[in-house]
Amino acid sequence: MAFALILPVFFIAAIAAAQTGEEGSIELVDPKVLRVCADPRDLPFSNEAGDGFENKIAGLLAEKLGKTLAYEYYPGATGFVRNTLNAHRCDVIMGMPQGDDIVQGTNPYYRTTYTLVSKQGSGLETIDSLEDPRLKEKRIGIVAGTPPATNLAVNGLLANIKSYPLVVDTRFDAPTSAMMEDLEADRIDVAILWGPIAGYLGKHAKTPVKVTPLVKETSGPRMIYRIGMGVRHSDQEWKRLLNKLIAENQTGITHILAAYGVPLLDENNALLT
């Protein structure tokens, strides 16, 4: 591969001109295949069986591109981007928060928020802010290191929390599912979860639950995020092609997200129905 280091600049430019366009970046692993970087066991986002909503969105885009679909699976923990996208083993990460500069982001395809999950009939269903005084005596489940944890600290609620780990190997651990099981078993009173996870687990809960978007916080870090796709920083044409696909297929993408219970927000923080 050493010869590649001494190719004349004009030759490299000629290759780029010939191979960009509808097939995306010259750096795609295979221009005939949509190769997706994904976690093998991270529902509702993705799994090896293709059951997650990111799997379904990837399938929709592959169909529109006329490409076959393939995955590079790696646990969504430390080293995920380095060992998948940046190692040129795949070409796109389906769900990345806008502003995360570890990758180059596409235009967002949904907007969502952290949520508070309570059991129906608990009397806590109307709580819609972590500033609500009714939380003072309640047992609160929280994933350590997530933005709502700061809000809990600001509101003097740390003494009441049960903490669940943030970075795990999802092939062996499922802390958010454990949190939901604790809620159903009354080991905690409310659960604070990322919206897509809360919506999905809420739909499959054995006990009816209420998923409330946290859109009224007046302090602490932001709860609401725009989510797009992530590509390599060098892949400008590929990013533009994905942006075009997102715009052309937004309705189909939104239907997939809604089917999984993802709480979708408009620009005024109202829930889309």
Protein backbone atom coordinates (compact mmCIF):
# COMPACT_ATOMS: atom_id res chain seq x y z
CA MET A 1 0.00 0.00 0.00
CA ALA A 2 3.04 2.34 0.16
CA PHE A 3 2.58 3.34 -3.48
CA ALA A 4 -0.60 5.20 -2.55
CA LEU A 5 1.43 7.69 -0.54
CA ILE A 6 3.27 9.01 -3.61
CA LEU A 7 0.38 9.28 -6.08
CA PRO A 8 0.41 12.69 -7.79
CA VAL A 9 -2.23 15.09 -6.50
CA PHE A 10 -3.81 15.43 -9.94
CA PHE A 11 -4.25 11.65 -10.14
CA ILE A 12 -5.98 11.51 -6.79
CA ALA A 13 -8.26 14.34 -7.90
CA ALA A 14 -9.09 12.48 -11.11
CA ILE A 15 -10.09 9.38 -9.16
CA ALA A 16 -12.29 11.51 -6.90
CA ALA A 17 -14.01 13.16 -9.85
CA ALA A 18 -14.70 9.80 -11.44
CA GLN A 19 -16.03 8.01 -8.40
CA THR A 20 -18.08 10.56 -6.46
CA GLY A 21 -21.68 11.45 -7.24
CA GLU A 22 -24.63 9.11 -6.81
CA GLU A 23 -22.45 6.40 -5.31
CA GLY A 24 -21.24 8.75 -2.60
CA SER A 25 -17.70 9.07 -1.30
CA ILE A 26 -14.63 7.48 -2.90
CA GLU A 27 -13.94 6.15 0.59
CA LEU A 28 -16.99 3.90 0.79
CA VAL A 29 -16.02 0.34 1.67
CA ASP A 30 -18.08 -0.96 -1.24
CA PRO A 31 -20.14 1.40 -3.44
CA LYS A 32 -22.64 -1.38 -4.13
CA VAL A 33 -23.32 -2.08 -0.44
CA LEU A 34 -24.74 0.13 2.32
CA ARG A 35 -22.43 -0.86 5.17
CA VAL A 36 -23.78 0.21 8.56
CA CYS A 37 -21.88 0.40 11.87
CA ALA A 38 -24.16 -0.90 14.64
CA ASP A 39 -24.39 -2.43 18.08
CA PRO A 40 -25.29 -6.15 17.94
CA ARG A 41 -27.58 -6.08 20.97
CA ASP A 42 -29.02 -2.65 21.61
CA LEU A 43 -32.77 -2.62 21.10
CA PRO A 44 -34.69 -0.55 20.25
CA PHE A 45 -31.87 0.80 18.07
CA SER A 46 -30.27 -2.27 16.52
CA ASN A 47 -29.48 -5.94 16.91
CA GLU A 48 -28.05 -8.73 14.79
CA ALA A 49 -31.55 -9.98 13.91
CA GLY A 50 -32.43 -6.61 12.36
CA ASP A 51 -35.21 -5.89 14.87
CA GLY A 52 -34.28 -2.31 15.79
CA PHE A 53 -35.63 0.90 14.30
CA GLU A 54 -32.16 1.85 13.05
CA ASN A 55 -32.07 -1.50 11.23
CA LYS A 56 -35.42 -0.67 9.63
CA ILE A 57 -34.31 2.83 8.61
CA ALA A 58 -31.10 1.41 7.15
CA GLY A 59 -33.17 -1.10 5.20
CA LEU A 60 -35.33 1.69 3.81
CA LEU A 61 -32.29 3.69 2.69
CA ALA A 62 -30.59 0.65 1.15
CA GLU A 63 -33.74 -0.01 -0.86
CA LYS A 64 -33.87 3.60 -2.08
CA LEU A 65 -30.17 3.47 -3.01
CA GLY A 66 -30.55 0.17 -4.82
CA LYS A 67 -27.80 -1.32 -2.63
CA THR A 68 -27.56 -4.45 -0.56
CA LEU A 69 -27.33 -3.96 3.21
CA ALA A 70 -24.51 -5.21 5.42
CA TYR A 71 -23.41 -4.52 8.99
CA GLU A 72 -20.25 -4.19 10.98
CA TYR A 73 -21.31 -4.99 14.53
CA TYR A 74 -19.38 -3.78 17.56
CA PRO A 75 -20.56 -3.09 21.12
CA GLY A 76 -21.61 0.54 21.54
CA ALA A 77 -18.97 1.36 24.13
CA THR A 78 -15.46 2.82 24.18
CA GLY A 79 -13.81 2.36 20.80
CA PHE A 80 -17.00 1.97 18.77
CA VAL A 81 -16.27 4.71 16.21
CA ARG A 82 -12.55 3.93 16.10
CA ASN A 83 -13.10 0.24 15.41
CA THR A 84 -15.96 0.56 12.92
CA LEU A 85 -16.39 3.80 10.94
CA ASN A 86 -12.86 5.13 11.30
CA ALA A 87 -11.40 1.69 10.57
CA HIS A 88 -13.25 1.72 7.20
CA ARG A 89 -15.21 -1.38 8.11
CA CYS A 90 -18.51 0.42 7.47
CA ASP A 91 -19.67 3.78 6.15
CA VAL A 92 -22.46 5.16 8.35
CA ILE A 93 -23.64 5.17 11.97
CA MET A 94 -27.41 5.46 11.96
CA GLY A 95 -28.09 7.45 15.13
CA MET A 96 -25.74 10.26 16.26
CA PRO A 97 -26.63 13.37 18.28
CA GLN A 98 -26.17 16.58 16.33
CA GLY A 99 -23.05 18.37 17.50
CA ASP A 100 -21.04 15.24 18.39
CA ASP A 101 -17.87 16.03 16.45
CA ILE A 102 -16.33 12.58 16.80
CA VAL A 103 -18.01 12.02 13.41
CA GLN A 104 -19.36 14.28 10.66
CA GLY A 105 -23.11 14.52 11.12
CA THR A 106 -25.81 14.51 8.48
CA ASN A 107 -28.97 16.56 8.74
CA PRO A 108 -31.11 15.28 11.63
CA TYR A 109 -34.03 12.96 10.93
CA TYR A 110 -35.71 13.20 14.33
CA ARG A 111 -35.79 15.28 17.48
CA THR A 112 -36.38 13.68 20.86
CA THR A 113 -35.74 14.10 24.57
CA TYR A 114 -35.07 12.44 27.89
CA THR A 115 -38.23 11.32 29.66
CA LEU A 116 -39.69 10.48 33.03
CA VAL A 117 -41.42 7.10 33.23
CA SER A 118 -44.00 6.38 35.93
CA LYS A 119 -46.51 3.60 36.53
CA GLN A 120 -50.12 4.27 35.64
CA GLY A 121 -52.10 4.69 38.84
CA SER A 122 -49.05 5.73 40.88
CA GLY A 123 -50.20 9.32 41.20
CA LEU A 124 -46.96 10.47 39.59
CA GLU A 125 -48.16 10.53 35.98
CA THR A 126 -48.56 14.31 35.96
CA ILE A 127 -44.93 15.01 36.91
CA ASP A 128 -43.34 16.61 33.86
CA SER A 129 -40.21 18.21 35.31
CA LEU A 130 -37.32 17.16 37.53
CA GLU A 131 -38.02 20.35 39.50
CA ASP A 132 -41.36 18.95 40.73
CA PRO A 133 -41.33 18.88 44.57
CA ARG A 134 -43.17 15.54 44.56
CA LEU A 135 -39.88 13.88 43.60
CA LYS A 136 -38.25 14.85 46.90
CA GLU A 137 -39.27 11.63 48.66
CA LYS A 138 -39.32 9.34 45.62
CA ARG A 139 -36.84 6.66 44.54
CA ILE A 140 -35.48 7.65 41.16
CA GLY A 141 -33.74 5.45 38.62
CA ILE A 142 -31.09 7.21 36.51
CA VAL A 143 -28.32 6.14 34.14
CA ALA A 144 -25.09 7.52 35.58
CA GLY A 145 -23.42 10.29 33.60
CA THR A 146 -26.45 11.21 31.49
CA PRO A 147 -27.64 14.85 31.35
CA PRO A 148 -30.64 14.38 33.69
CA ALA A 149 -28.27 13.26 36.46
CA THR A 150 -27.01 16.87 36.64
CA ASN A 151 -30.58 18.11 37.00
CA LEU A 152 -31.20 15.66 39.83
CA ALA A 153 -28.13 17.04 41.60
CA VAL A 154 -29.23 20.65 41.06
CA ASN A 155 -32.63 19.82 42.55
CA GLY A 156 -31.18 18.06 45.60
CA LEU A 157 -32.40 14.59 44.61
CA LEU A 158 -29.15 12.59 44.62
CA ALA A 159 -29.94 10.96 47.97
CA ASN A 160 -32.96 9.28 46.37
CA ILE A 161 -31.39 7.83 43.26
CA LYS A 162 -30.60 4.32 42.18
CA SER A 163 -27.81 4.55 39.61
CA TYR A 164 -27.39 2.29 36.57
CA PRO A 165 -24.18 2.09 34.49
CA LEU A 166 -23.87 4.08 31.28
CA VAL A 167 -21.06 2.26 29.45
CA VAL A 168 -21.63 -1.48 29.23
CA ASP A 169 -21.11 -4.30 26.78
CA THR A 170 -24.68 -4.64 25.55
CA ARG A 171 -24.08 -8.30 24.66
CA PHE A 172 -24.07 -9.05 28.39
CA ASP A 173 -25.71 -6.13 30.24
CA ALA A 174 -28.99 -4.26 29.81
CA PRO A 175 -29.16 -1.59 32.55
CA THR A 176 -32.13 0.26 31.04
CA SER A 177 -34.18 -2.94 30.96
CA ALA A 178 -33.13 -3.57 34.56
CA MET A 179 -34.32 -0.07 35.47
CA MET A 180 -37.70 -0.74 33.89
CA GLU A 181 -38.00 -4.04 35.75
CA ASP A 182 -37.25 -2.22 39.00
CA LEU A 183 -40.00 0.29 38.23
CA GLU A 184 -42.53 -2.45 37.57
CA ALA A 185 -41.49 -4.25 40.78
CA ASP A 186 -41.78 -1.01 42.84
CA ARG A 187 -38.09 -0.97 43.69
CA ILE A 188 -38.03 2.56 42.27
CA ASP A 189 -40.88 5.06 41.86
CA VAL A 190 -39.87 6.72 38.58
CA ALA A 191 -37.31 6.04 35.88
CA ILE A 192 -35.42 8.72 33.94
CA LEU A 193 -34.60 7.35 30.49
CA TRP A 194 -33.58 8.49 27.04
CA GLY A 195 -36.80 8.89 25.06
CA PRO A 196 -36.35 6.20 22.38
CA ILE A 197 -35.52 3.63 25.06
CA ALA A 198 -38.37 4.73 27.33
CA GLY A 199 -40.90 4.68 24.50
CA TYR A 200 -39.90 1.21 23.36
CA LEU A 201 -39.69 -0.34 26.83
CA GLY A 202 -42.94 1.38 27.78
CA LYS A 203 -44.73 -0.25 24.85
CA HIS A 204 -43.52 -3.66 26.02
CA ALA A 205 -43.94 -3.17 29.78
CA LYS A 206 -46.01 -5.74 31.65
CA THR A 207 -47.47 -2.94 33.78
CA PRO A 208 -48.93 0.13 32.00
CA VAL A 209 -46.61 3.12 32.27
CA LYS A 210 -46.66 6.81 31.34
CA VAL A 211 -43.72 8.20 29.36
CA THR A 212 -43.47 11.97 29.87
CA PRO A 213 -41.04 14.11 27.81
CA LEU A 214 -38.81 16.33 29.93
CA VAL A 215 -39.15 19.55 27.95
CA LYS A 216 -39.76 22.02 30.80
CA GLU A 217 -36.41 22.04 32.60
CA THR A 218 -35.21 25.57 33.43
CA SER A 219 -31.68 24.66 34.55
CA GLY A 220 -28.99 22.10 33.90
CA PRO A 221 -27.93 20.63 30.55
CA ARG A 222 -30.26 20.26 27.62
CA MET A 223 -32.67 17.33 27.55
CA ILE A 224 -33.64 17.61 23.87
CA TYR A 225 -31.46 16.48 20.97
CA ARG A 226 -31.58 16.29 17.20
CA ILE A 227 -30.45 12.94 15.87
CA GLY A 228 -28.81 12.38 12.51
CA MET A 229 -26.35 9.91 10.98
CA GLY A 230 -22.58 9.91 11.33
CA VAL A 231 -20.02 9.57 8.54
CA ARG A 232 -16.27 10.13 8.30
CA HIS A 233 -15.15 13.76 8.23
CA SER A 234 -13.68 13.29 4.75
CA ASP A 235 -16.88 11.91 3.19
CA GLN A 236 -18.53 15.06 1.85
CA GLU A 237 -20.33 13.57 -1.16
CA TRP A 238 -21.60 10.66 0.91
CA LYS A 239 -22.96 13.06 3.51
CA ARG A 240 -24.74 15.08 0.81
CA LEU A 241 -26.29 11.93 -0.63
CA LEU A 242 -27.53 10.85 2.81
CA ASN A 243 -28.98 14.32 3.43
CA LYS A 244 -30.90 13.99 0.16
CA LEU A 245 -32.20 10.56 1.15
CA ILE A 246 -33.30 11.79 4.57
CA ALA A 247 -35.25 14.67 3.04
CA GLU A 248 -36.90 12.47 0.42
CA ASN A 249 -37.84 9.71 2.89
CA GLN A 250 -38.64 11.65 6.06
CA THR A 251 -42.25 10.46 6.16
CA GLY A 252 -41.21 6.80 6.00
CA ILE A 253 -38.50 7.33 8.61
CA THR A 254 -40.97 9.04 10.95
CA HIS A 255 -43.43 6.16 10.60
CA ILE A 256 -40.72 3.69 11.61
CA LEU A 257 -39.76 5.75 14.65
CA ALA A 258 -43.38 6.17 15.74
CA ALA A 259 -44.00 2.42 15.46
CA TYR A 260 -41.26 1.88 18.08
CA GLY A 261 -42.76 4.41 20.48
CA VAL A 262 -40.03 7.03 20.03
CA PRO A 263 -41.29 10.35 21.47
CA LEU A 264 -40.90 12.73 18.52
CA LEU A 265 -40.85 16.48 19.11
CA ASP A 266 -41.57 19.32 16.73
CA GLU A 267 -39.56 22.56 16.88
CA ASN A 268 -41.91 23.88 19.60
CA ASN A 269 -41.24 20.82 21.80
CA ALA A 270 -44.76 19.48 21.24
CA LEU A 271 -45.16 15.75 20.69
CA LEU A 272 -45.82 14.71 17.10
CA THR A 273 -48.82 12.44 16.77
